[in-house]
Protein backbone atom coordinates (compact mmCIF):
# COMPACT_ATOMS: atom_id res chain seq x y z
CA MET A 1 14.78 -33.28 -31.57
CA ILE A 2 13.40 -30.58 -29.27
CA LYS A 3 14.36 -27.07 -30.24
CA LYS A 4 16.35 -25.01 -27.74
CA GLY A 5 13.91 -22.10 -27.98
CA PHE A 6 11.09 -24.37 -26.77
CA LEU A 7 13.24 -25.63 -23.89
CA TYR A 8 14.22 -22.08 -22.84
CA ALA A 9 10.58 -20.92 -22.90
CA ASN A 10 9.45 -23.88 -20.76
CA ALA A 11 12.35 -23.45 -18.32
CA THR A 12 11.44 -19.77 -17.92
CA LEU A 13 7.80 -20.68 -17.27
CA ILE A 14 8.78 -23.27 -14.63
CA LEU A 15 11.12 -20.81 -12.88
CA VAL A 16 8.53 -18.03 -12.82
CA LEU A 17 5.71 -20.30 -11.66
CA GLY A 18 8.00 -21.85 -9.06
CA ALA A 19 8.95 -18.42 -7.76
CA GLN A 20 5.28 -17.50 -7.37
CA THR A 21 4.66 -20.39 -4.99
CA GLY A 22 7.20 -19.08 -2.45
CA TYR A 23 6.44 -17.25 0.76
CA THR A 24 4.43 -14.05 0.69
CA ALA A 25 3.55 -11.39 3.21
CA GLU A 26 -0.12 -10.89 4.00
CA VAL A 27 -2.47 -7.99 4.68
CA THR A 28 -5.00 -9.03 7.31
CA SER A 29 -8.66 -8.09 6.99
CA SER A 30 -8.87 -6.84 10.58
CA ALA A 31 -9.19 -3.21 11.58
CA PRO A 32 -6.73 -1.62 11.89
CA THR A 33 -4.98 -3.03 8.85
CA GLN A 34 -2.05 -5.31 9.69
CA ILE A 35 0.79 -6.57 7.52
CA VAL A 36 2.57 -9.77 8.53
CA VAL A 37 6.02 -10.52 7.10
CA ARG A 38 6.85 -13.96 8.50
CA HIS A 39 10.41 -14.42 7.22
CA ALA A 40 12.32 -11.17 6.72
CA VAL A 41 16.03 -10.62 6.31
CA VAL A 42 17.15 -7.75 8.53
CA LYS A 43 20.40 -6.04 7.52
CA THR A 44 22.01 -4.11 10.37
CA ALA A 45 25.42 -2.59 11.05
CA SER A 46 26.25 -5.68 13.14
CA GLY A 47 25.28 -8.17 10.41
CA THR A 48 22.34 -9.95 8.83
CA LYS A 49 19.60 -11.45 10.98
CA HIS A 50 16.26 -13.13 10.38
CA ALA A 51 13.02 -11.86 11.88
CA SER A 52 9.30 -11.68 11.47
CA ILE A 53 7.83 -8.19 11.14
CA HIS A 54 4.32 -7.42 12.31
CA LEU A 55 3.10 -4.02 11.11
CA VAL A 56 -0.07 -2.47 12.57
CA ALA A 57 -1.69 0.57 10.93
CA THR A 58 -2.19 3.64 13.10
CA ASP A 59 -5.49 4.41 11.32
CA ASN A 60 -8.51 2.34 10.32
CA GLY A 61 -8.05 2.84 6.58
CA SER A 62 -7.28 0.13 4.06
CA LEU A 63 -3.80 -0.30 2.56
CA HIS A 64 -2.71 2.96 0.88
CA GLU A 65 0.39 5.06 0.22
CA GLY A 66 1.27 7.39 3.08
CA GLN A 67 -0.34 5.08 5.64
CA VAL A 68 1.64 4.83 8.89
CA TYR A 69 2.42 1.49 10.57
CA GLN A 70 3.87 0.58 13.95
CA ALA A 71 6.52 -2.17 13.48
CA HIS A 72 7.15 -5.06 15.87
CA PHE A 73 10.18 -7.29 15.16
CA LYS A 74 10.56 -10.85 16.50
CA GLY A 75 13.38 -13.30 15.93
CA ALA A 76 12.80 -16.00 13.29
CA THR A 77 14.54 -19.06 11.93
CA SER A 78 16.73 -18.65 8.86
CA ALA A 79 15.53 -21.93 7.31
CA LYS A 80 12.61 -20.32 5.48
CA PRO A 81 12.78 -18.30 2.24
CA GLN A 82 12.40 -14.57 2.79
CA ASP A 83 9.16 -12.72 2.04
CA GLY A 84 10.53 -9.28 2.88
CA ARG A 85 13.57 -7.40 4.07
CA TYR A 86 14.49 -4.50 6.32
CA ASP A 87 17.66 -2.55 5.68
CA GLU A 88 18.67 -0.49 8.71
CA MET A 89 21.01 1.71 6.62
CA ASP A 90 18.33 2.55 4.01
CA GLU A 91 15.64 2.65 6.74
CA GLU A 92 13.26 0.73 4.46
CA ILE A 93 11.12 -2.36 4.61
CA PHE A 94 10.66 -3.92 1.17
CA ILE A 95 7.94 -6.51 0.55
CA PRO A 96 8.17 -8.03 -2.96
CA LYS A 97 4.83 -9.87 -2.77
CA LEU A 98 2.12 -8.62 -0.42
CA VAL A 99 -1.21 -10.47 -0.72
CA GLN A 100 -4.47 -8.78 0.27
CA SER A 101 -7.79 -10.65 0.47
CA GLY A 102 -6.20 -13.75 -1.08
CA SER A 103 -6.28 -12.37 -4.63
CA VAL A 104 -4.76 -8.89 -4.92
CA VAL A 105 -0.94 -8.82 -4.94
CA TYR A 106 1.16 -5.72 -4.31
CA GLN A 107 4.83 -4.89 -4.06
CA ALA A 108 5.31 -2.46 -1.17
CA THR A 109 8.02 -0.24 0.30
CA LEU A 110 7.81 1.34 3.74
CA ARG A 111 10.21 4.01 5.00
CA LEU A 112 11.12 4.64 8.64
CA ILE A 113 9.63 7.94 9.83
CA ASP A 114 10.23 7.68 13.60
CA ARG A 115 13.12 5.56 14.91
CA LYS A 116 12.08 5.98 18.56
CA THR A 117 8.62 4.44 18.01
CA MET A 118 9.61 2.32 14.96
CA GLN A 119 6.89 3.84 12.78
CA PHE A 120 7.02 3.34 9.02
CA ALA A 121 5.02 4.97 6.23
CA ILE A 122 4.13 3.28 2.96
CA THR A 123 6.03 5.15 0.26
CA GLU A 124 5.16 2.87 -2.65
CA THR A 125 2.58 0.23 -3.50
CA THR A 126 2.64 -1.33 -6.93
CA LEU A 127 -0.23 -3.55 -8.03
CA LEU A 128 1.29 -6.75 -9.42
CA SER A 129 -1.88 -8.70 -10.09
CA ALA A 130 -5.51 -9.10 -9.19
CA GLU A 131 -7.94 -11.97 -9.62
CA SER A 132 -9.55 -10.34 -12.65
CA GLU A 133 -6.34 -9.48 -14.51
CA PRO A 134 -3.27 -11.48 -15.56
CA ASN A 135 0.01 -10.99 -13.76
CA ALA A 136 1.82 -8.18 -15.56
CA PHE A 137 5.23 -9.66 -14.74
CA PHE A 138 4.77 -12.77 -16.86
CA ASP A 139 2.01 -13.54 -19.31
CA PRO A 140 2.48 -17.01 -20.89
CA ARG A 141 0.46 -15.86 -23.92
CA ALA A 142 3.24 -13.35 -24.65
CA VAL A 143 5.80 -16.09 -25.39
CA HIS A 144 6.48 -16.08 -29.12
CA ASP A 145 8.53 -18.31 -31.37
CA VAL A 146 11.35 -16.12 -32.61
CA ASN A 147 12.76 -18.85 -34.84
CA TYR A 148 15.92 -19.13 -32.77
CA ASN A 149 17.32 -22.44 -33.90
CA SER A 150 20.88 -23.10 -32.87
CA ARG A 151 22.51 -26.48 -32.68
């Protein structure tokens, strides 16, 4: 008989690994830096819509907090899982998984600073993982047997 603790640990691993294979936003290597969010959910006063968001840096620096981006929104199909969201009420773009150079993964938040020109500034970037370090969100080596045996 397989113990429930073993089943729960494996189910958690499958869910986390499955979630990591979803859609992600990308930072392009071009100058100026560009962020492409292909499938964003846009929450407005008139309802929820789907769009792609193309953000172009106003400077030639690499991704950093305080950096200003010009946003361009285009309509998108709702069939794809989201890789970001824009909330008009909060005036924020949130990107849960932003990949740079194919190996460095950030979580990023941008706040609207000029509604007329649709400029956003990065207010937060959190390093989630890099090629040389394990993902801090889930480390499979940290799963321990806690002797939870229920029938």
